[in-house]
Every structure is written in C-alpha cells, then in structure tokens.
Amino acid sequence: MIHDVPTDAWDLELGELFLRIGGRFSRVEARRRMRDYVRGLLGPAGRKNSRQLAEYVGHATPHGLQHLLSHSRWDADGLRDDLQVYVVVQLGASMGC
C-alpha cells in the first residue's frame, strides 16, 4: 500500500464529509468503498483506474470498487446536492463568510 502526506492530512475532513453523505448509500460496504474510492482519486497514482486505486487504498483486487461503480445502489442526485452544500459551506468558511 502506498501512502502520501496530502491524503493522510485530509483524513479528518474526509471522515466528516463521509459522515454527512453516508446516508446516501444503502449499505455500509458501499459507504466504505466510496470512501476508499475518493481516497484513491486523491492519491498519487498516475493512472486512475480501478486497479491502481484499489492497490493504493489496500484492496487485494479492484472488484469491490468496480462493483460500487457498476452495481451498488446509492442516491447520486442526493449525493451531488450534499456535496454542493458542503463545498459552499467550506469555501465560505475559508473566506471568512
């Protein structure tokens, strides 16, 4: 498993974000895989395919991440809305609003 400082530094913030959006996923496995998927996307891998992302986050195979994207049930529209609110709040907080 590869580790990098920026992703590790974001762990607390990502944890807070995933507490906020966790209800958009029907199963705990999907929530965990989405968290790992996002961590992989933020990681240093040059190519962002399922195999490299799975390797980065410590999965033995890419099957779980592939299942998340292909077959898992989650509320994509609700997730989008939650993320939009989260980004606006975070940007407002960092700008002193």
PDB file of N, CA and C in Angstrom:
ATOM      1  N   MET A   1       0.843  -1.169   0.000  1.00  0.00           N
ATOM      2  CA  MET A   1       0.000   0.000   0.000  1.00  0.00           C
ATOM      3  C   MET A   1       0.891   1.237   0.000  1.00  0.00           C
ATOM      4  N   ILE A   2       0.541   2.199  -0.823  1.00  0.00           N
ATOM      5  CA  ILE A   2       1.275   3.455  -0.933  1.00  0.00           C
ATOM      6  C   ILE A   2       0.633   4.477  -0.002  1.00  0.00           C
ATOM      7  N   HIS A   3       1.461   5.313   0.647  1.00  0.00           N
ATOM      8  CA  HIS A   3       0.942   6.376   1.498  1.00  0.00           C
ATOM      9  C   HIS A   3       1.478   7.702   1.011  1.00  0.00           C
ATOM     10  N   ASP A   4       0.664   8.740   1.102  1.00  0.00           N
ATOM     11  CA  ASP A   4       1.137  10.070   0.776  1.00  0.00           C
ATOM     12  C   ASP A   4       0.621  11.049   1.808  1.00  0.00           C
ATOM     13  N   VAL A   5       1.346  12.092   2.025  1.00  0.00           N
ATOM     14  CA  VAL A   5       1.014  13.053   3.067  1.00  0.00           C
ATOM     15  C   VAL A   5      -0.276  13.802   2.789  1.00  0.00           C
ATOM     16  N   PRO A   6      -0.507  14.331   1.575  1.00  0.00           N
ATOM     17  CA  PRO A   6      -1.734  15.117   1.386  1.00  0.00           C
ATOM     18  C   PRO A   6      -3.008  14.351   1.700  1.00  0.00           C
ATOM     19  N   THR A   7      -3.128  13.109   1.243  1.00  0.00           N
ATOM     20  CA  THR A   7      -4.341  12.346   1.509  1.00  0.00           C
ATOM     21  C   THR A   7      -4.472  12.063   2.989  1.00  0.00           C
ATOM     22  N   ASP A   8      -3.375  11.700   3.655  1.00  0.00           N
ATOM     23  CA  ASP A   8      -3.423  11.450   5.089  1.00  0.00           C
ATOM     24  C   ASP A   8      -3.828  12.709   5.851  1.00  0.00           C
ATOM     25  N   ALA A   9      -3.371  13.857   5.407  1.00  0.00           N
ATOM     26  CA  ALA A   9      -3.722  15.117   6.058  1.00  0.00           C
ATOM     27  C   ALA A   9      -5.206  15.421   5.898  1.00  0.00           C
ATOM     28  N   TRP A  10      -5.820  14.894   4.872  1.00  0.00           N
ATOM     29  CA  TRP A  10      -7.245  15.141   4.624  1.00  0.00           C
ATOM     30  C   TRP A  10      -8.152  14.123   5.305  1.00  0.00           C
ATOM     31  N   ASP A  11      -7.592  13.145   5.996  1.00  0.00           N
ATOM     32  CA  ASP A  11      -8.400  12.072   6.566  1.00  0.00           C
ATOM     33  C   ASP A  11      -9.514  12.584   7.472  1.00  0.00           C
ATOM     34  N   LEU A  12      -9.224  13.527   8.345  1.00  0.00           N
ATOM     35  CA  LEU A  12     -10.259  14.041   9.247  1.00  0.00           C
ATOM     36  C   LEU A  12     -11.381  14.719   8.481  1.00  0.00           C
ATOM     37  N   GLU A  13     -11.007  15.538   7.515  1.00  0.00           N
ATOM     38  CA  GLU A  13     -12.014  16.231   6.711  1.00  0.00           C
ATOM     39  C   GLU A  13     -12.843  15.243   5.895  1.00  0.00           C
ATOM     40  N   LEU A  14     -12.185  14.251   5.323  1.00  0.00           N
ATOM     41  CA  LEU A  14     -12.914  13.229   4.569  1.00  0.00           C
ATOM     42  C   LEU A  14     -13.846  12.438   5.482  1.00  0.00           C
ATOM     43  N   GLY A  15     -13.384  12.159   6.693  1.00  0.00           N
ATOM     44  CA  GLY A  15     -14.234  11.459   7.655  1.00  0.00           C
ATOM     45  C   GLY A  15     -15.496  12.241   7.956  1.00  0.00           C
ATOM     46  N   GLU A  16     -15.353  13.546   8.160  1.00  0.00           N
ATOM     47  CA  GLU A  16     -16.510  14.406   8.415  1.00  0.00           C
ATOM     48  C   GLU A  16     -17.448  14.434   7.204  1.00  0.00           C
ATOM     49  N   LEU A  17     -16.868  14.548   6.034  1.00  0.00           N
ATOM     50  CA  LEU A  17     -17.674  14.559   4.816  1.00  0.00           C
ATOM     51  C   LEU A  17     -18.456  13.265   4.666  1.00  0.00           C
ATOM     52  N   PHE A  18     -17.814  12.137   4.907  1.00  0.00           N
ATOM     53  CA  PHE A  18     -18.493  10.861   4.715  1.00  0.00           C
ATOM     54  C   PHE A  18     -19.532  10.585   5.796  1.00  0.00           C
ATOM     55  N   LEU A  19     -19.386  11.191   6.967  1.00  0.00           N
ATOM     56  CA  LEU A  19     -20.472  11.116   7.949  1.00  0.00           C
ATOM     57  C   LEU A  19     -21.699  11.855   7.424  1.00  0.00           C
ATOM     58  N   ARG A  20     -21.462  12.966   6.739  1.00  0.00           N
ATOM     59  CA  ARG A  20     -22.548  13.783   6.193  1.00  0.00           C
ATOM     60  C   ARG A  20     -23.273  13.076   5.039  1.00  0.00           C
ATOM     61  N   ILE A  21     -22.541  12.398   4.183  1.00  0.00           N
ATOM     62  CA  ILE A  21     -23.138  11.822   2.978  1.00  0.00           C
ATOM     63  C   ILE A  21     -23.425  10.327   3.091  1.00  0.00           C
ATOM     64  N   GLY A  22     -23.057   9.717   4.204  1.00  0.00           N
ATOM     65  CA  GLY A  22     -23.198   8.272   4.358  1.00  0.00           C
ATOM     66  C   GLY A  22     -24.599   7.740   4.133  1.00  0.00           C
ATOM     67  N   GLY A  23     -25.600   8.529   4.464  1.00  0.00           N
ATOM     68  CA  GLY A  23     -26.974   8.089   4.300  1.00  0.00           C
ATOM     69  C   GLY A  23     -27.410   7.922   2.853  1.00  0.00           C
ATOM     70  N   ARG A  24     -26.604   8.391   1.930  1.00  0.00           N
ATOM     71  CA  ARG A  24     -26.936   8.270   0.501  1.00  0.00           C
ATOM     72  C   ARG A  24     -26.625   6.885  -0.049  1.00  0.00           C
ATOM     73  N   PHE A  25     -26.004   6.040   0.776  1.00  0.00           N
ATOM     74  CA  PHE A  25     -25.630   4.691   0.349  1.00  0.00           C
ATOM     75  C   PHE A  25     -26.461   3.687   1.129  1.00  0.00           C
ATOM     76  N   SER A  26     -26.991   2.692   0.433  1.00  0.00           N
ATOM     77  CA  SER A  26     -27.907   1.743   1.060  1.00  0.00           C
ATOM     78  C   SER A  26     -27.206   0.738   1.971  1.00  0.00           C
ATOM     79  N   ARG A  27     -25.921   0.523   1.773  1.00  0.00           N
ATOM     80  CA  ARG A  27     -25.200  -0.475   2.576  1.00  0.00           C
ATOM     81  C   ARG A  27     -23.877   0.090   3.072  1.00  0.00           C
ATOM     82  N   VAL A  28     -23.444  -0.408   4.212  1.00  0.00           N
ATOM     83  CA  VAL A  28     -22.195   0.056   4.802  1.00  0.00           C
ATOM     84  C   VAL A  28     -21.003  -0.248   3.888  1.00  0.00           C
ATOM     85  N   GLU A  29     -21.061  -1.373   3.162  1.00  0.00           N
ATOM     86  CA  GLU A  29     -19.971  -1.724   2.259  1.00  0.00           C
ATOM     87  C   GLU A  29     -19.814  -0.679   1.162  1.00  0.00           C
ATOM     88  N   ALA A  30     -20.922  -0.189   0.647  1.00  0.00           N
ATOM     89  CA  ALA A  30     -20.870   0.844  -0.390  1.00  0.00           C
ATOM     90  C   ALA A  30     -20.290   2.144   0.171  1.00  0.00           C
ATOM     91  N   ARG A  31     -20.659   2.500   1.401  1.00  0.00           N
ATOM     92  CA  ARG A  31     -20.092   3.705   2.028  1.00  0.00           C
ATOM     93  C   ARG A  31     -18.580   3.582   2.160  1.00  0.00           C
ATOM     94  N   ARG A  32     -18.130   2.432   2.619  1.00  0.00           N
ATOM     95  CA  ARG A  32     -16.684   2.222   2.794  1.00  0.00           C
ATOM     96  C   ARG A  32     -15.956   2.230   1.454  1.00  0.00           C
ATOM     97  N   ARG A  33     -16.557   1.612   0.463  1.00  0.00           N
ATOM     98  CA  ARG A  33     -15.911   1.595  -0.859  1.00  0.00           C
ATOM     99  C   ARG A  33     -15.856   2.985  -1.470  1.00  0.00           C
ATOM    100  N   MET A  34     -16.903   3.777  -1.278  1.00  0.00           N
ATOM    101  CA  MET A  34     -16.881   5.139  -1.808  1.00  0.00           C
ATOM    102  C   MET A  34     -15.792   5.956  -1.118  1.00  0.00           C
ATOM    103  N   ARG A  35     -15.671   5.788   0.181  1.00  0.00           N
ATOM    104  CA  ARG A  35     -14.593   6.473   0.912  1.00  0.00           C
ATOM    105  C   ARG A  35     -13.233   6.071   0.339  1.00  0.00           C
ATOM    106  N   ASP A  36     -13.035   4.796   0.133  1.00  0.00           N
ATOM    107  CA  ASP A  36     -11.765   4.321  -0.415  1.00  0.00           C
ATOM    108  C   ASP A  36     -11.562   4.823  -1.839  1.00  0.00           C
ATOM    109  N   TYR A  37     -12.625   4.839  -2.614  1.00  0.00           N
ATOM    110  CA  TYR A  37     -12.535   5.318  -3.994  1.00  0.00           C
ATOM    111  C   TYR A  37     -12.083   6.782  -4.034  1.00  0.00           C
ATOM    112  N   VAL A  38     -12.692   7.605  -3.202  1.00  0.00           N
ATOM    113  CA  VAL A  38     -12.309   9.029  -3.152  1.00  0.00           C
ATOM    114  C   VAL A  38     -10.873   9.176  -2.681  1.00  0.00           C
ATOM    115  N   ARG A  39     -10.476   8.427  -1.666  1.00  0.00           N
ATOM    116  CA  ARG A  39      -9.078   8.464  -1.216  1.00  0.00           C
ATOM    117  C   ARG A  39      -8.136   8.089  -2.349  1.00  0.00           C
ATOM    118  N   GLY A  40      -8.513   7.087  -3.120  1.00  0.00           N
ATOM    119  CA  GLY A  40      -7.690   6.685  -4.259  1.00  0.00           C
ATOM    120  C   GLY A  40      -7.592   7.776  -5.306  1.00  0.00           C
ATOM    121  N   LEU A  41      -8.717   8.434  -5.571  1.00  0.00           N
ATOM    122  CA  LEU A  41      -8.695   9.528  -6.553  1.00  0.00           C
ATOM    123  C   LEU A  41      -7.793  10.670  -6.101  1.00  0.00           C
ATOM    124  N   LEU A  42      -7.726  10.896  -4.795  1.00  0.00           N
ATOM    125  CA  LEU A  42      -6.879  11.971  -4.256  1.00  0.00           C
ATOM    126  C   LEU A  42      -5.416  11.551  -4.134  1.00  0.00           C
ATOM    127  N   GLY A  43      -5.145  10.264  -4.300  1.00  0.00           N
ATOM    128  CA  GLY A  43      -3.796   9.740  -4.139  1.00  0.00           C
ATOM    129  C   GLY A  43      -2.887  10.046  -5.317  1.00  0.00           C
ATOM    130  N   PRO A  44      -1.644   9.596  -5.228  1.00  0.00           N
ATOM    131  CA  PRO A  44      -0.615   9.960  -6.191  1.00  0.00           C
ATOM    132  C   PRO A  44      -0.537   9.107  -7.457  1.00  0.00           C
ATOM    133  N   ALA A  45      -1.383   8.104  -7.579  1.00  0.00           N
ATOM    134  CA  ALA A  45      -1.281   7.222  -8.753  1.00  0.00           C
ATOM    135  C   ALA A  45      -1.410   8.033 -10.038  1.00  0.00           C
ATOM    136  N   GLY A  46      -0.516   7.769 -10.983  1.00  0.00           N
ATOM    137  CA  GLY A  46      -0.545   8.484 -12.258  1.00  0.00           C
ATOM    138  C   GLY A  46      -1.762   8.132 -13.085  1.00  0.00           C
ATOM    139  N   ARG A  47      -2.134   6.869 -13.044  1.00  0.00           N
ATOM    140  CA  ARG A  47      -3.339   6.420 -13.755  1.00  0.00           C
ATOM    141  C   ARG A  47      -4.404   6.159 -12.710  1.00  0.00           C
ATOM    142  N   LYS A  48      -5.583   6.578 -12.984  1.00  0.00           N
ATOM    143  CA  LYS A  48      -6.663   6.432 -12.009  1.00  0.00           C
ATOM    144  C   LYS A  48      -7.664   5.376 -12.461  1.00  0.00           C
ATOM    145  N   ASN A  49      -7.183   4.154 -12.668  1.00  0.00           N
ATOM    146  CA  ASN A  49      -8.121   3.081 -12.982  1.00  0.00           C
ATOM    147  C   ASN A  49      -8.380   2.265 -11.714  1.00  0.00           C
ATOM    148  N   SER A  50      -9.340   1.382 -11.789  1.00  0.00           N
ATOM    149  CA  SER A  50      -9.759   0.640 -10.594  1.00  0.00           C
ATOM    150  C   SER A  50      -8.621  -0.145  -9.963  1.00  0.00           C
ATOM    151  N   ARG A  51      -7.753  -0.707 -10.775  1.00  0.00           N
ATOM    152  CA  ARG A  51      -6.657  -1.499 -10.218  1.00  0.00           C
ATOM    153  C   ARG A  51      -5.691  -0.634  -9.407  1.00  0.00           C
ATOM    154  N   GLN A  52      -5.284   0.514  -9.941  1.00  0.00           N
ATOM    155  CA  GLN A  52      -4.368   1.387  -9.223  1.00  0.00           C
ATOM    156  C   GLN A  52      -5.021   1.980  -7.979  1.00  0.00           C
ATOM    157  N   LEU A  53      -6.297   2.359  -8.089  1.00  0.00           N
ATOM    158  CA  LEU A  53      -6.989   2.910  -6.927  1.00  0.00           C
ATOM    159  C   LEU A  53      -7.121   1.855  -5.837  1.00  0.00           C
ATOM    160  N   ALA A  54      -7.487   0.635  -6.211  1.00  0.00           N
ATOM    161  CA  ALA A  54      -7.621  -0.443  -5.237  1.00  0.00           C
ATOM    162  C   ALA A  54      -6.282  -0.730  -4.562  1.00  0.00           C
ATOM    163  N   GLU A  55      -5.222  -0.762  -5.329  1.00  0.00           N
ATOM    164  CA  GLU A  55      -3.894  -1.001  -4.756  1.00  0.00           C
ATOM    165  C   GLU A  55      -3.531   0.105  -3.770  1.00  0.00           C
ATOM    166  N   TYR A  56      -3.788   1.336  -4.137  1.00  0.00           N
ATOM    167  CA  TYR A  56      -3.437   2.474  -3.281  1.00  0.00           C
ATOM    168  C   TYR A  56      -4.150   2.399  -1.931  1.00  0.00           C
ATOM    169  N   VAL A  57      -5.433   2.016  -1.937  1.00  0.00           N
ATOM    170  CA  VAL A  57      -6.192   2.005  -0.685  1.00  0.00           C
ATOM    171  C   VAL A  57      -6.099   0.676   0.053  1.00  0.00           C
ATOM    172  N   GLY A  58      -5.337  -0.283  -0.493  1.00  0.00           N
ATOM    173  CA  GLY A  58      -5.084  -1.527   0.214  1.00  0.00           C
ATOM    174  C   GLY A  58      -6.028  -2.672  -0.089  1.00  0.00           C
ATOM    175  N   HIS A  59      -6.787  -2.589  -1.154  1.00  0.00           N
ATOM    176  CA  HIS A  59      -7.660  -3.699  -1.544  1.00  0.00           C
ATOM    177  C   HIS A  59      -6.844  -4.712  -2.339  1.00  0.00           C
ATOM    178  N   ALA A  60      -7.152  -5.990  -2.148  1.00  0.00           N
ATOM    179  CA  ALA A  60      -6.429  -7.044  -2.850  1.00  0.00           C
ATOM    180  C   ALA A  60      -6.748  -7.053  -4.345  1.00  0.00           C
ATOM    181  N   THR A  61      -7.976  -6.705  -4.688  1.00  0.00           N
ATOM    182  CA  THR A  61      -8.411  -6.685  -6.089  1.00  0.00           C
ATOM    183  C   THR A  61      -9.251  -5.429  -6.328  1.00  0.00           C
ATOM    184  N   PRO A  62      -9.489  -5.076  -7.582  1.00  0.00           N
ATOM    185  CA  PRO A  62     -10.331  -3.914  -7.878  1.00  0.00           C
ATOM    186  C   PRO A  62     -11.828  -4.224  -7.889  1.00  0.00           C
ATOM    187  N   HIS A  63     -12.207  -5.470  -7.612  1.00  0.00           N
ATOM    188  CA  HIS A  63     -13.600  -5.883  -7.775  1.00  0.00           C
ATOM    189  C   HIS A  63     -14.578  -5.076  -6.923  1.00  0.00           C
ATOM    190  N   GLY A  64     -14.212  -4.759  -5.702  1.00  0.00           N
ATOM    191  CA  GLY A  64     -15.116  -4.004  -4.836  1.00  0.00           C
ATOM    192  C   GLY A  64     -15.394  -2.608  -5.366  1.00  0.00           C
ATOM    193  N   LEU A  65     -14.356  -1.934  -5.832  1.00  0.00           N
ATOM    194  CA  LEU A  65     -14.546  -0.593  -6.387  1.00  0.00           C
ATOM    195  C   LEU A  65     -15.334  -0.659  -7.688  1.00  0.00           C
ATOM    196  N   GLN A  66     -15.075  -1.671  -8.492  1.00  0.00           N
ATOM    197  CA  GLN A  66     -15.828  -1.841  -9.730  1.00  0.00           C
ATOM    198  C   GLN A  66     -17.298  -2.120  -9.442  1.00  0.00           C
ATOM    199  N   HIS A  67     -17.549  -2.918  -8.413  1.00  0.00           N
ATOM    200  CA  HIS A  67     -18.933  -3.210  -8.027  1.00  0.00           C
ATOM    201  C   HIS A  67     -19.630  -1.929  -7.573  1.00  0.00           C
ATOM    202  N   LEU A  68     -18.941  -1.117  -6.816  1.00  0.00           N
ATOM    203  CA  LEU A  68     -19.511   0.163  -6.369  1.00  0.00           C
ATOM    204  C   LEU A  68     -19.995   0.982  -7.548  1.00  0.00           C
ATOM    205  N   LEU A  69     -19.165   1.109  -8.551  1.00  0.00           N
ATOM    206  CA  LEU A  69     -19.497   1.964  -9.684  1.00  0.00           C
ATOM    207  C   LEU A  69     -20.514   1.335 -10.629  1.00  0.00           C
ATOM    208  N   SER A  70     -20.549   0.022 -10.687  1.00  0.00           N
ATOM    209  CA  SER A  70     -21.415  -0.656 -11.653  1.00  0.00           C
ATOM    210  C   SER A  70     -22.751  -1.126 -11.091  1.00  0.00           C
ATOM    211  N   HIS A  71     -22.759  -1.580  -9.841  1.00  0.00           N
ATOM    212  CA  HIS A  71     -23.931  -2.293  -9.345  1.00  0.00           C
ATOM    213  C   HIS A  71     -24.513  -1.791  -8.031  1.00  0.00           C
ATOM    214  N   SER A  72     -23.741  -1.080  -7.233  1.00  0.00           N
ATOM    215  CA  SER A  72     -24.249  -0.654  -5.930  1.00  0.00           C
ATOM    216  C   SER A  72     -25.352   0.382  -6.081  1.00  0.00           C
ATOM    217  N   ARG A  73     -26.249   0.375  -5.108  1.00  0.00           N
ATOM    218  CA  ARG A  73     -27.329   1.363  -5.093  1.00  0.00           C
ATOM    219  C   ARG A  73     -26.928   2.522  -4.194  1.00  0.00           C
ATOM    220  N   TRP A  74     -27.013   3.716  -4.765  1.00  0.00           N
ATOM    221  CA  TRP A  74     -26.783   4.925  -3.991  1.00  0.00           C
ATOM    222  C   TRP A  74     -27.483   6.072  -4.677  1.00  0.00           C
ATOM    223  N   ASP A  75     -27.775   7.086  -3.910  1.00  0.00           N
ATOM    224  CA  ASP A  75     -28.537   8.233  -4.383  1.00  0.00           C
ATOM    225  C   ASP A  75     -27.580   9.263  -4.978  1.00  0.00           C
ATOM    226  N   ALA A  76     -27.333   9.153  -6.272  1.00  0.00           N
ATOM    227  CA  ALA A  76     -26.367  10.040  -6.936  1.00  0.00           C
ATOM    228  C   ALA A  76     -26.819  11.499  -6.905  1.00  0.00           C
ATOM    229  N   ASP A  77     -28.112  11.751  -7.121  1.00  0.00           N
ATOM    230  CA  ASP A  77     -28.598  13.132  -7.099  1.00  0.00           C
ATOM    231  C   ASP A  77     -28.499  13.731  -5.700  1.00  0.00           C
ATOM    232  N   GLY A  78     -28.883  12.964  -4.706  1.00  0.00           N
ATOM    233  CA  GLY A  78     -28.765  13.435  -3.324  1.00  0.00           C
ATOM    234  C   GLY A  78     -27.322  13.655  -2.926  1.00  0.00           C
ATOM    235  N   LEU A  79     -26.446  12.762  -3.351  1.00  0.00           N
ATOM    236  CA  LEU A  79     -25.022  12.907  -3.066  1.00  0.00           C
ATOM    237  C   LEU A  79     -24.480  14.180  -3.701  1.00  0.00           C
ATOM    238  N   ARG A  80     -24.853  14.427  -4.942  1.00  0.00           N
ATOM    239  CA  ARG A  80     -24.440  15.653  -5.624  1.00  0.00           C
ATOM    240  C   ARG A  80     -24.894  16.884  -4.843  1.00  0.00           C
ATOM    241  N   ASP A  81     -26.143  16.877  -4.405  1.00  0.00           N
ATOM    242  CA  ASP A  81     -26.678  18.014  -3.652  1.00  0.00           C
ATOM    243  C   ASP A  81     -25.947  18.203  -2.333  1.00  0.00           C
ATOM    244  N   ASP A  82     -25.685  17.098  -1.625  1.00  0.00           N
ATOM    245  CA  ASP A  82     -24.941  17.178  -0.362  1.00  0.00           C
ATOM    246  C   ASP A  82     -23.541  17.750  -0.576  1.00  0.00           C
ATOM    247  N   LEU A  83     -22.874  17.290  -1.625  1.00  0.00           N
ATOM    248  CA  LEU A  83     -21.522  17.772  -1.911  1.00  0.00           C
ATOM    249  C   LEU A  83     -21.519  19.248  -2.290  1.00  0.00           C
ATOM    250  N   GLN A  84     -22.531  19.669  -3.013  1.00  0.00           N
ATOM    251  CA  GLN A  84     -22.623  21.075  -3.386  1.00  0.00           C
ATOM    252  C   GLN A  84     -22.754  21.953  -2.139  1.00  0.00           C
ATOM    253  N   VAL A  85     -23.620  21.574  -1.219  1.00  0.00           N
ATOM    254  CA  VAL A  85     -23.780  22.329   0.026  1.00  0.00           C
ATOM    255  C   VAL A  85     -22.482  22.310   0.815  1.00  0.00           C
ATOM    256  N   TYR A  86     -21.846  21.155   0.907  1.00  0.00           N
ATOM    257  CA  TYR A  86     -20.593  21.016   1.652  1.00  0.00           C
ATOM    258  C   TYR A  86     -19.517  21.946   1.094  1.00  0.00           C
ATOM    259  N   VAL A  87     -19.369  21.971  -0.211  1.00  0.00           N
ATOM    260  CA  VAL A  87     -18.345  22.815  -0.838  1.00  0.00           C
ATOM    261  C   VAL A  87     -18.639  24.290  -0.589  1.00  0.00           C
ATOM    262  N   VAL A  88     -19.883  24.693  -0.727  1.00  0.00           N
ATOM    263  CA  VAL A  88     -20.242  26.096  -0.494  1.00  0.00           C
ATOM    264  C   VAL A  88     -19.949  26.484   0.947  1.00  0.00           C
ATOM    265  N   VAL A  89     -20.309  25.636   1.897  1.00  0.00           N
ATOM    266  CA  VAL A  89     -20.042  25.921   3.306  1.00  0.00           C
ATOM    267  C   VAL A  89     -18.548  25.999   3.570  1.00  0.00           C
ATOM    268  N   GLN A  90     -17.777  25.050   3.034  1.00  0.00           N
ATOM    269  CA  GLN A  90     -16.336  25.041   3.276  1.00  0.00           C
ATOM    270  C   GLN A  90     -15.650  26.236   2.640  1.00  0.00           C
ATOM    271  N   LEU A  91     -16.028  26.593   1.427  1.00  0.00           N
ATOM    272  CA  LEU A  91     -15.422  27.752   0.785  1.00  0.00           C
ATOM    273  C   LEU A  91     -15.807  29.032   1.508  1.00  0.00           C
ATOM    274  N   GLY A  92     -17.046  29.112   1.973  1.00  0.00           N
ATOM    275  CA  GLY A  92     -17.478  30.274   2.726  1.00  0.00           C
ATOM    276  C   GLY A  92     -16.715  30.396   4.028  1.00  0.00           C
ATOM    277  N   ALA A  93     -16.480  29.264   4.696  1.00  0.00           N
ATOM    278  CA  ALA A  93     -15.741  29.275   5.964  1.00  0.00           C
ATOM    279  C   ALA A  93     -14.296  29.701   5.740  1.00  0.00           C
ATOM    280  N   SER A  94     -13.689  29.249   4.652  1.00  0.00           N
ATOM    281  CA  SER A  94     -12.287  29.584   4.411  1.00  0.00           C
ATOM    282  C   SER A  94     -12.127  31.033   3.957  1.00  0.00           C
ATOM    283  N   MET A  95     -13.215  31.630   3.482  1.00  0.00           N
ATOM    284  CA  MET A  95     -13.160  33.019   3.038  1.00  0.00           C
ATOM    285  C   MET A  95     -13.649  33.970   4.136  1.00  0.00           C
ATOM    286  N   GLY A  96     -13.986  33.406   5.306  1.00  0.00           N
ATOM    287  CA  GLY A  96     -14.413  34.229   6.416  1.00  0.00           C
ATOM    288  C   GLY A  96     -15.856  34.688   6.328  1.00  0.00           C
ATOM    289  N   CYS A  97     -16.660  34.000   5.542  1.00  0.00           N
ATOM    290  CA  CYS A  97     -18.081  34.390   5.384  1.00  0.00           C
ATOM    291  C   CYS A  97     -18.933  33.764   6.451  1.00  0.00           C
TER     292      CYS A  97
END
